[in-house]
Amino acid sequence: GLIGHSEGGEGIAIAAAKSSDVKF
C-alpha cells in the first residue's frame, strides 16, 4: 500500500495506476 499527504496523494494515485503490485 501507499500513503500520501496533500500533493503526495496525487503521486500515489499515479503510482498505483501504473503498478498492479499496489493493492491499496
mmCIF file of all heavy atoms, coordinates in Angstrom:
data_MODEL
# 
_entry.id   MODEL 
# 
loop_
_atom_site.group_PDB 
_atom_site.id 
_atom_site.type_symbol 
_atom_site.label_atom_id 
_atom_site.label_alt_id 
_atom_site.label_comp_id 
_atom_site.label_asym_id 
_atom_site.label_entity_id 
_atom_site.label_seq_id 
_atom_site.pdbx_PDB_ins_code 
_atom_site.Cartn_x 
_atom_site.Cartn_y 
_atom_site.Cartn_z 
_atom_site.occupancy 
_atom_site.B_iso_or_equiv 
_atom_site.pdbx_formal_charge 
_atom_site.auth_seq_id 
_atom_site.auth_comp_id 
_atom_site.auth_asym_id 
_atom_site.auth_atom_id 
_atom_site.pdbx_PDB_model_num 
ATOM 1   N N   . GLY A 1 1  ? 0.835  -1.195 0.000   1.00 0.00 ? 1  GLY A N   1 
ATOM 2   C CA  . GLY A 1 1  ? 0.000  0.000  0.000   1.00 0.00 ? 1  GLY A CA  1 
ATOM 3   C C   . GLY A 1 1  ? 0.869  1.244  0.000   1.00 0.00 ? 1  GLY A C   1 
ATOM 4   O O   . GLY A 1 1  ? 2.041  1.200  0.366   1.00 0.00 ? 1  GLY A O   1 
ATOM 5   N N   . LEU A 1 2  ? 0.279  2.325  -0.439  1.00 0.00 ? 2  LEU A N   1 
ATOM 6   C CA  . LEU A 1 2  ? 0.980  3.606  -0.462  1.00 0.00 ? 2  LEU A CA  1 
ATOM 7   C C   . LEU A 1 2  ? 0.167  4.630  0.310   1.00 0.00 ? 2  LEU A C   1 
ATOM 8   O O   . LEU A 1 2  ? -1.055 4.600  0.305   1.00 0.00 ? 2  LEU A O   1 
ATOM 9   C CB  . LEU A 1 2  ? 1.148  4.088  -1.912  1.00 0.00 ? 2  LEU A CB  1 
ATOM 10  C CG  . LEU A 1 2  ? 1.909  3.166  -2.860  1.00 0.00 ? 2  LEU A CG  1 
ATOM 11  C CD1 . LEU A 1 2  ? 1.843  3.718  -4.285  1.00 0.00 ? 2  LEU A CD1 1 
ATOM 12  C CD2 . LEU A 1 2  ? 3.342  2.995  -2.418  1.00 0.00 ? 2  LEU A CD2 1 
ATOM 13  N N   . ILE A 1 3  ? 0.876  5.547  0.974   1.00 0.00 ? 3  ILE A N   1 
ATOM 14  C CA  . ILE A 1 3  ? 0.217  6.625  1.697   1.00 0.00 ? 3  ILE A CA  1 
ATOM 15  C C   . ILE A 1 3  ? 0.830  7.939  1.234   1.00 0.00 ? 3  ILE A C   1 
ATOM 16  O O   . ILE A 1 3  ? 2.041  8.028  1.022   1.00 0.00 ? 3  ILE A O   1 
ATOM 17  C CB  . ILE A 1 3  ? 0.341  6.435  3.229   1.00 0.00 ? 3  ILE A CB  1 
ATOM 18  C CG1 . ILE A 1 3  ? -0.484 7.463  3.978   1.00 0.00 ? 3  ILE A CG1 1 
ATOM 19  C CG2 . ILE A 1 3  ? 1.778  6.456  3.678   1.00 0.00 ? 3  ILE A CG2 1 
ATOM 20  C CD1 . ILE A 1 3  ? -0.631 7.173  5.456   1.00 0.00 ? 3  ILE A CD1 1 
ATOM 21  N N   . GLY A 1 4  ? -0.021 8.932  1.019   1.00 0.00 ? 4  GLY A N   1 
ATOM 22  C CA  . GLY A 1 4  ? 0.473  10.223 0.578   1.00 0.00 ? 4  GLY A CA  1 
ATOM 23  C C   . GLY A 1 4  ? -0.321 11.351 1.201   1.00 0.00 ? 4  GLY A C   1 
ATOM 24  O O   . GLY A 1 4  ? -1.521 11.229 1.439   1.00 0.00 ? 4  GLY A O   1 
ATOM 25  N N   . HIS A 1 5  ? 0.352  12.439 1.466   1.00 0.00 ? 5  HIS A N   1 
ATOM 26  C CA  . HIS A 1 5  ? -0.287 13.610 2.054   1.00 0.00 ? 5  HIS A CA  1 
ATOM 27  C C   . HIS A 1 5  ? -0.292 14.756 1.054   1.00 0.00 ? 5  HIS A C   1 
ATOM 28  O O   . HIS A 1 5  ? 0.709  15.011 0.402   1.00 0.00 ? 5  HIS A O   1 
ATOM 29  C CB  . HIS A 1 5  ? 0.457  14.030 3.329   1.00 0.00 ? 5  HIS A CB  1 
ATOM 30  C CG  . HIS A 1 5  ? -0.114 15.247 3.969   1.00 0.00 ? 5  HIS A CG  1 
ATOM 31  N ND1 . HIS A 1 5  ? 0.400  16.500 3.748   1.00 0.00 ? 5  HIS A ND1 1 
ATOM 32  C CD2 . HIS A 1 5  ? -1.167 15.407 4.814   1.00 0.00 ? 5  HIS A CD2 1 
ATOM 33  C CE1 . HIS A 1 5  ? -0.311 17.380 4.437   1.00 0.00 ? 5  HIS A CE1 1 
ATOM 34  N NE2 . HIS A 1 5  ? -1.262 16.729 5.094   1.00 0.00 ? 5  HIS A NE2 1 
ATOM 35  N N   . SER A 1 6  ? -1.415 15.438 0.945   1.00 0.00 ? 6  SER A N   1 
ATOM 36  C CA  . SER A 1 6  ? -1.583 16.591 0.067   1.00 0.00 ? 6  SER A CA  1 
ATOM 37  C C   . SER A 1 6  ? -1.255 16.208 -1.379  1.00 0.00 ? 6  SER A C   1 
ATOM 38  O O   . SER A 1 6  ? -1.879 15.294 -1.920  1.00 0.00 ? 6  SER A O   1 
ATOM 39  C CB  . SER A 1 6  ? -0.729 17.759 0.571   1.00 0.00 ? 6  SER A CB  1 
ATOM 40  O OG  . SER A 1 6  ? -1.013 18.933 -0.156  1.00 0.00 ? 6  SER A OG  1 
ATOM 41  N N   . GLU A 1 7  ? -0.268 16.852 -1.992  1.00 0.00 ? 7  GLU A N   1 
ATOM 42  C CA  . GLU A 1 7  ? 0.092  16.517 -3.370  1.00 0.00 ? 7  GLU A CA  1 
ATOM 43  C C   . GLU A 1 7  ? 0.652  15.097 -3.479  1.00 0.00 ? 7  GLU A C   1 
ATOM 44  O O   . GLU A 1 7  ? 0.613  14.486 -4.538  1.00 0.00 ? 7  GLU A O   1 
ATOM 45  C CB  . GLU A 1 7  ? 1.083  17.532 -3.919  1.00 0.00 ? 7  GLU A CB  1 
ATOM 46  C CG  . GLU A 1 7  ? 0.453  18.892 -4.126  1.00 0.00 ? 7  GLU A CG  1 
ATOM 47  C CD  . GLU A 1 7  ? 1.451  19.977 -4.464  1.00 0.00 ? 7  GLU A CD  1 
ATOM 48  O OE1 . GLU A 1 7  ? 2.644  19.677 -4.594  1.00 0.00 ? 7  GLU A OE1 1 
ATOM 49  O OE2 . GLU A 1 7  ? 1.022  21.136 -4.596  1.00 0.00 ? 7  GLU A OE2 1 
ATOM 50  N N   . GLY A 1 8  ? 1.159  14.583 -2.374  1.00 0.00 ? 8  GLY A N   1 
ATOM 51  C CA  . GLY A 1 8  ? 1.622  13.196 -2.351  1.00 0.00 ? 8  GLY A CA  1 
ATOM 52  C C   . GLY A 1 8  ? 0.489  12.219 -2.612  1.00 0.00 ? 8  GLY A C   1 
ATOM 53  O O   . GLY A 1 8  ? 0.692  11.127 -3.132  1.00 0.00 ? 8  GLY A O   1 
ATOM 54  N N   . GLY A 1 9  ? -0.738 12.626 -2.270  1.00 0.00 ? 9  GLY A N   1 
ATOM 55  C CA  . GLY A 1 9  ? -1.912 11.811 -2.558  1.00 0.00 ? 9  GLY A CA  1 
ATOM 56  C C   . GLY A 1 9  ? -2.106 11.629 -4.052  1.00 0.00 ? 9  GLY A C   1 
ATOM 57  O O   . GLY A 1 9  ? -2.521 10.571 -4.516  1.00 0.00 ? 9  GLY A O   1 
ATOM 58  N N   . GLU A 1 10 ? -1.799 12.670 -4.809  1.00 0.00 ? 10 GLU A N   1 
ATOM 59  C CA  . GLU A 1 10 ? -1.899 12.569 -6.264  1.00 0.00 ? 10 GLU A CA  1 
ATOM 60  C C   . GLU A 1 10 ? -0.784 11.663 -6.801  1.00 0.00 ? 10 GLU A C   1 
ATOM 61  O O   . GLU A 1 10 ? -1.006 10.855 -7.699  1.00 0.00 ? 10 GLU A O   1 
ATOM 62  C CB  . GLU A 1 10 ? -1.799 13.952 -6.901  1.00 0.00 ? 10 GLU A CB  1 
ATOM 63  C CG  . GLU A 1 10 ? -2.127 13.939 -8.366  1.00 0.00 ? 10 GLU A CG  1 
ATOM 64  C CD  . GLU A 1 10 ? -2.347 15.326 -8.934  1.00 0.00 ? 10 GLU A CD  1 
ATOM 65  O OE1 . GLU A 1 10 ? -2.588 16.274 -8.181  1.00 0.00 ? 10 GLU A OE1 1 
ATOM 66  O OE2 . GLU A 1 10 ? -2.277 15.440 -10.162 1.00 0.00 ? 10 GLU A OE2 1 
ATOM 67  N N   . GLY A 1 11 ? 0.393  11.793 -6.222  1.00 0.00 ? 11 GLY A N   1 
ATOM 68  C CA  . GLY A 1 11 ? 1.524  10.961 -6.647  1.00 0.00 ? 11 GLY A CA  1 
ATOM 69  C C   . GLY A 1 11 ? 1.283  9.480  -6.424  1.00 0.00 ? 11 GLY A C   1 
ATOM 70  O O   . GLY A 1 11 ? 1.591  8.654  -7.284  1.00 0.00 ? 11 GLY A O   1 
ATOM 71  N N   . ILE A 1 12 ? 0.692  9.129  -5.293  1.00 0.00 ? 12 ILE A N   1 
ATOM 72  C CA  . ILE A 1 12 ? 0.448  7.711  -5.034  1.00 0.00 ? 12 ILE A CA  1 
ATOM 73  C C   . ILE A 1 12 ? -0.641 7.161  -5.944  1.00 0.00 ? 12 ILE A C   1 
ATOM 74  O O   . ILE A 1 12 ? -0.605 5.993  -6.318  1.00 0.00 ? 12 ILE A O   1 
ATOM 75  C CB  . ILE A 1 12 ? 0.121  7.418  -3.546  1.00 0.00 ? 12 ILE A CB  1 
ATOM 76  C CG1 . ILE A 1 12 ? -1.151 8.134  -3.099  1.00 0.00 ? 12 ILE A CG1 1 
ATOM 77  C CG2 . ILE A 1 12 ? 1.304  7.747  -2.655  1.00 0.00 ? 12 ILE A CG2 1 
ATOM 78  C CD1 . ILE A 1 12 ? -1.694 7.689  -1.771  1.00 0.00 ? 12 ILE A CD1 1 
ATOM 79  N N   . ALA A 1 13 ? -1.611 8.000  -6.300  1.00 0.00 ? 13 ALA A N   1 
ATOM 80  C CA  . ALA A 1 13 ? -2.658 7.555  -7.218  1.00 0.00 ? 13 ALA A CA  1 
ATOM 81  C C   . ALA A 1 13 ? -2.064 7.236  -8.594  1.00 0.00 ? 13 ALA A C   1 
ATOM 82  O O   . ALA A 1 13 ? -2.415 6.228  -9.220  1.00 0.00 ? 13 ALA A O   1 
ATOM 83  C CB  . ALA A 1 13 ? -3.744 8.615  -7.341  1.00 0.00 ? 13 ALA A CB  1 
ATOM 84  N N   . ILE A 1 14 ? -1.143 8.066  -9.034  1.00 0.00 ? 14 ILE A N   1 
ATOM 85  C CA  . ILE A 1 14 ? -0.470 7.829  -10.320 1.00 0.00 ? 14 ILE A CA  1 
ATOM 86  C C   . ILE A 1 14 ? 0.362  6.554  -10.240 1.00 0.00 ? 14 ILE A C   1 
ATOM 87  O O   . ILE A 1 14 ? 0.315  5.704  -11.132 1.00 0.00 ? 14 ILE A O   1 
ATOM 88  C CB  . ILE A 1 14 ? 0.399  9.040  -10.700 1.00 0.00 ? 14 ILE A CB  1 
ATOM 89  C CG1 . ILE A 1 14 ? -0.489 10.252 -11.005 1.00 0.00 ? 14 ILE A CG1 1 
ATOM 90  C CG2 . ILE A 1 14 ? 1.302  8.716  -11.889 1.00 0.00 ? 14 ILE A CG2 1 
ATOM 91  C CD1 . ILE A 1 14 ? 0.262  11.572 -11.106 1.00 0.00 ? 14 ILE A CD1 1 
ATOM 92  N N   . ALA A 1 15 ? 1.128  6.406  -9.153  1.00 0.00 ? 15 ALA A N   1 
ATOM 93  C CA  . ALA A 1 15 ? 1.967  5.216  -8.986  1.00 0.00 ? 15 ALA A CA  1 
ATOM 94  C C   . ALA A 1 15 ? 1.127  3.946  -8.927  1.00 0.00 ? 15 ALA A C   1 
ATOM 95  O O   . ALA A 1 15 ? 1.464  2.936  -9.553  1.00 0.00 ? 15 ALA A O   1 
ATOM 96  C CB  . ALA A 1 15 ? 2.821  5.340  -7.722  1.00 0.00 ? 15 ALA A CB  1 
ATOM 97  N N   . ALA A 1 16 ? 0.016  3.989  -8.204  1.00 0.00 ? 16 ALA A N   1 
ATOM 98  C CA  . ALA A 1 16 ? -0.852 2.812  -8.077  1.00 0.00 ? 16 ALA A CA  1 
ATOM 99  C C   . ALA A 1 16 ? -1.482 2.447  -9.417  1.00 0.00 ? 16 ALA A C   1 
ATOM 100 O O   . ALA A 1 16 ? -1.649 1.263  -9.720  1.00 0.00 ? 16 ALA A O   1 
ATOM 101 C CB  . ALA A 1 16 ? -1.934 3.075  -7.033  1.00 0.00 ? 16 ALA A CB  1 
ATOM 102 N N   . ALA A 1 17 ? -1.803 3.448  -10.217 1.00 0.00 ? 17 ALA A N   1 
ATOM 103 C CA  . ALA A 1 17 ? -2.406 3.181  -11.527 1.00 0.00 ? 17 ALA A CA  1 
ATOM 104 C C   . ALA A 1 17 ? -1.417 2.500  -12.472 1.00 0.00 ? 17 ALA A C   1 
ATOM 105 O O   . ALA A 1 17 ? -1.814 1.789  -13.386 1.00 0.00 ? 17 ALA A O   1 
ATOM 106 C CB  . ALA A 1 17 ? -2.900 4.485  -12.143 1.00 0.00 ? 17 ALA A CB  1 
ATOM 107 N N   . LYS A 1 18 ? -0.131 2.696  -12.211 1.00 0.00 ? 18 LYS A N   1 
ATOM 108 C CA  . LYS A 1 18 ? 0.897  2.132  -13.093 1.00 0.00 ? 18 LYS A CA  1 
ATOM 109 C C   . LYS A 1 18 ? 1.454  0.803  -12.595 1.00 0.00 ? 18 LYS A C   1 
ATOM 110 O O   . LYS A 1 18 ? 2.293  0.209  -13.254 1.00 0.00 ? 18 LYS A O   1 
ATOM 111 C CB  . LYS A 1 18 ? 2.044  3.139  -13.264 1.00 0.00 ? 18 LYS A CB  1 
ATOM 112 C CG  . LYS A 1 18 ? 1.622  4.370  -14.032 1.00 0.00 ? 18 LYS A CG  1 
ATOM 113 C CD  . LYS A 1 18 ? 2.774  5.311  -14.244 1.00 0.00 ? 18 LYS A CD  1 
ATOM 114 C CE  . LYS A 1 18 ? 2.317  6.488  -15.091 1.00 0.00 ? 18 LYS A CE  1 
ATOM 115 N NZ  . LYS A 1 18 ? 3.432  7.334  -15.485 1.00 0.00 ? 18 LYS A NZ  1 
ATOM 116 N N   . SER A 1 19 ? 1.024  0.349  -11.430 1.00 0.00 ? 19 SER A N   1 
ATOM 117 C CA  . SER A 1 19 ? 1.570  -0.891 -10.876 1.00 0.00 ? 19 SER A CA  1 
ATOM 118 C C   . SER A 1 19 ? 0.467  -1.788 -10.329 1.00 0.00 ? 19 SER A C   1 
ATOM 119 O O   . SER A 1 19 ? -0.303 -1.383 -9.456  1.00 0.00 ? 19 SER A O   1 
ATOM 120 C CB  . SER A 1 19 ? 2.558  -0.579 -9.753  1.00 0.00 ? 19 SER A CB  1 
ATOM 121 O OG  . SER A 1 19 ? 2.974  -1.779 -9.125  1.00 0.00 ? 19 SER A OG  1 
ATOM 122 N N   . SER A 1 20 ? 0.442  -3.007 -10.815 1.00 0.00 ? 20 SER A N   1 
ATOM 123 C CA  . SER A 1 20 ? -0.546 -3.960 -10.305 1.00 0.00 ? 20 SER A CA  1 
ATOM 124 C C   . SER A 1 20 ? -0.128 -4.519 -8.936  1.00 0.00 ? 20 SER A C   1 
ATOM 125 O O   . SER A 1 20 ? -0.912 -5.200 -8.283  1.00 0.00 ? 20 SER A O   1 
ATOM 126 C CB  . SER A 1 20 ? -0.732 -5.109 -11.298 1.00 0.00 ? 20 SER A CB  1 
ATOM 127 O OG  . SER A 1 20 ? 0.487  -5.796 -11.491 1.00 0.00 ? 20 SER A OG  1 
ATOM 128 N N   . ASP A 1 21 ? 1.090  -4.210 -8.488  1.00 0.00 ? 21 ASP A N   1 
ATOM 129 C CA  . ASP A 1 21 ? 1.556  -4.667 -7.180  1.00 0.00 ? 21 ASP A CA  1 
ATOM 130 C C   . ASP A 1 21 ? 0.940  -3.869 -6.025  1.00 0.00 ? 21 ASP A C   1 
ATOM 131 O O   . ASP A 1 21 ? 0.878  -4.345 -4.900  1.00 0.00 ? 21 ASP A O   1 
ATOM 132 C CB  . ASP A 1 21 ? 3.082  -4.564 -7.086  1.00 0.00 ? 21 ASP A CB  1 
ATOM 133 C CG  . ASP A 1 21 ? 3.791  -5.531 -8.018  1.00 0.00 ? 21 ASP A CG  1 
ATOM 134 O OD1 . ASP A 1 21 ? 3.222  -6.607 -8.310  1.00 0.00 ? 21 ASP A OD1 1 
ATOM 135 O OD2 . ASP A 1 21 ? 4.899  -5.205 -8.472  1.00 0.00 ? 21 ASP A OD2 1 
ATOM 136 N N   . VAL A 1 22 ? 0.505  -2.651 -6.305  1.00 0.00 ? 22 VAL A N   1 
ATOM 137 C CA  . VAL A 1 22 ? -0.081 -1.809 -5.264  1.00 0.00 ? 22 VAL A CA  1 
ATOM 138 C C   . VAL A 1 22 ? -1.534 -2.224 -5.065  1.00 0.00 ? 22 VAL A C   1 
ATOM 139 O O   . VAL A 1 22 ? -2.336 -2.193 -5.983  1.00 0.00 ? 22 VAL A O   1 
ATOM 140 C CB  . VAL A 1 22 ? 0.004  -0.309 -5.630  1.00 0.00 ? 22 VAL A CB  1 
ATOM 141 C CG1 . VAL A 1 22 ? -0.661 0.544  -4.559  1.00 0.00 ? 22 VAL A CG1 1 
ATOM 142 C CG2 . VAL A 1 22 ? 1.459  0.115  -5.814  1.00 0.00 ? 22 VAL A CG2 1 
ATOM 143 N N   . LYS A 1 23 ? -1.845 -2.634 -3.847  1.00 0.00 ? 23 LYS A N   1 
ATOM 144 C CA  . LYS A 1 23 ? -3.175 -3.161 -3.537  1.00 0.00 ? 23 LYS A CA  1 
ATOM 145 C C   . LYS A 1 23 ? -4.112 -2.126 -2.928  1.00 0.00 ? 23 LYS A C   1 
ATOM 146 O O   . LYS A 1 23 ? -5.314 -2.276 -2.963  1.00 0.00 ? 23 LYS A O   1 
ATOM 147 C CB  . LYS A 1 23 ? -3.072 -4.358 -2.584  1.00 0.00 ? 23 LYS A CB  1 
ATOM 148 C CG  . LYS A 1 23 ? -2.199 -5.480 -3.112  1.00 0.00 ? 23 LYS A CG  1 
ATOM 149 C CD  . LYS A 1 23 ? -2.720 -6.006 -4.435  1.00 0.00 ? 23 LYS A CD  1 
ATOM 150 C CE  . LYS A 1 23 ? -1.835 -7.129 -4.937  1.00 0.00 ? 23 LYS A CE  1 
ATOM 151 N NZ  . LYS A 1 23 ? -1.980 -7.390 -6.343  1.00 0.00 ? 23 LYS A NZ  1 
ATOM 152 N N   . PHE A 1 24 ? -3.546 -1.063 -2.311  1.00 0.00 ? 24 PHE A N   1 
ATOM 153 C CA  . PHE A 1 24 ? -4.396 -0.023 -1.732  1.00 0.00 ? 24 PHE A CA  1 
ATOM 154 C C   . PHE A 1 24 ? -3.604 1.270  -1.591  1.00 0.00 ? 24 PHE A C   1 
ATOM 155 O O   . PHE A 1 24 ? -2.375 1.264  -1.594  1.00 0.00 ? 24 PHE A O   1 
ATOM 156 C CB  . PHE A 1 24 ? -4.964 -0.450 -0.376  1.00 0.00 ? 24 PHE A CB  1 
ATOM 157 C CG  . PHE A 1 24 ? -3.925 -0.631 0.699   1.00 0.00 ? 24 PHE A CG  1 
ATOM 158 C CD1 . PHE A 1 24 ? -3.608 0.408  1.557   1.00 0.00 ? 24 PHE A CD1 1 
ATOM 159 C CD2 . PHE A 1 24 ? -3.281 -1.850 0.864   1.00 0.00 ? 24 PHE A CD2 1 
ATOM 160 C CE1 . PHE A 1 24 ? -2.655 0.242  2.554   1.00 0.00 ? 24 PHE A CE1 1 
ATOM 161 C CE2 . PHE A 1 24 ? -2.330 -2.040 1.856   1.00 0.00 ? 24 PHE A CE2 1 
ATOM 162 C CZ  . PHE A 1 24 ? -2.016 -0.988 2.702   1.00 0.00 ? 24 PHE A CZ  1 
# 
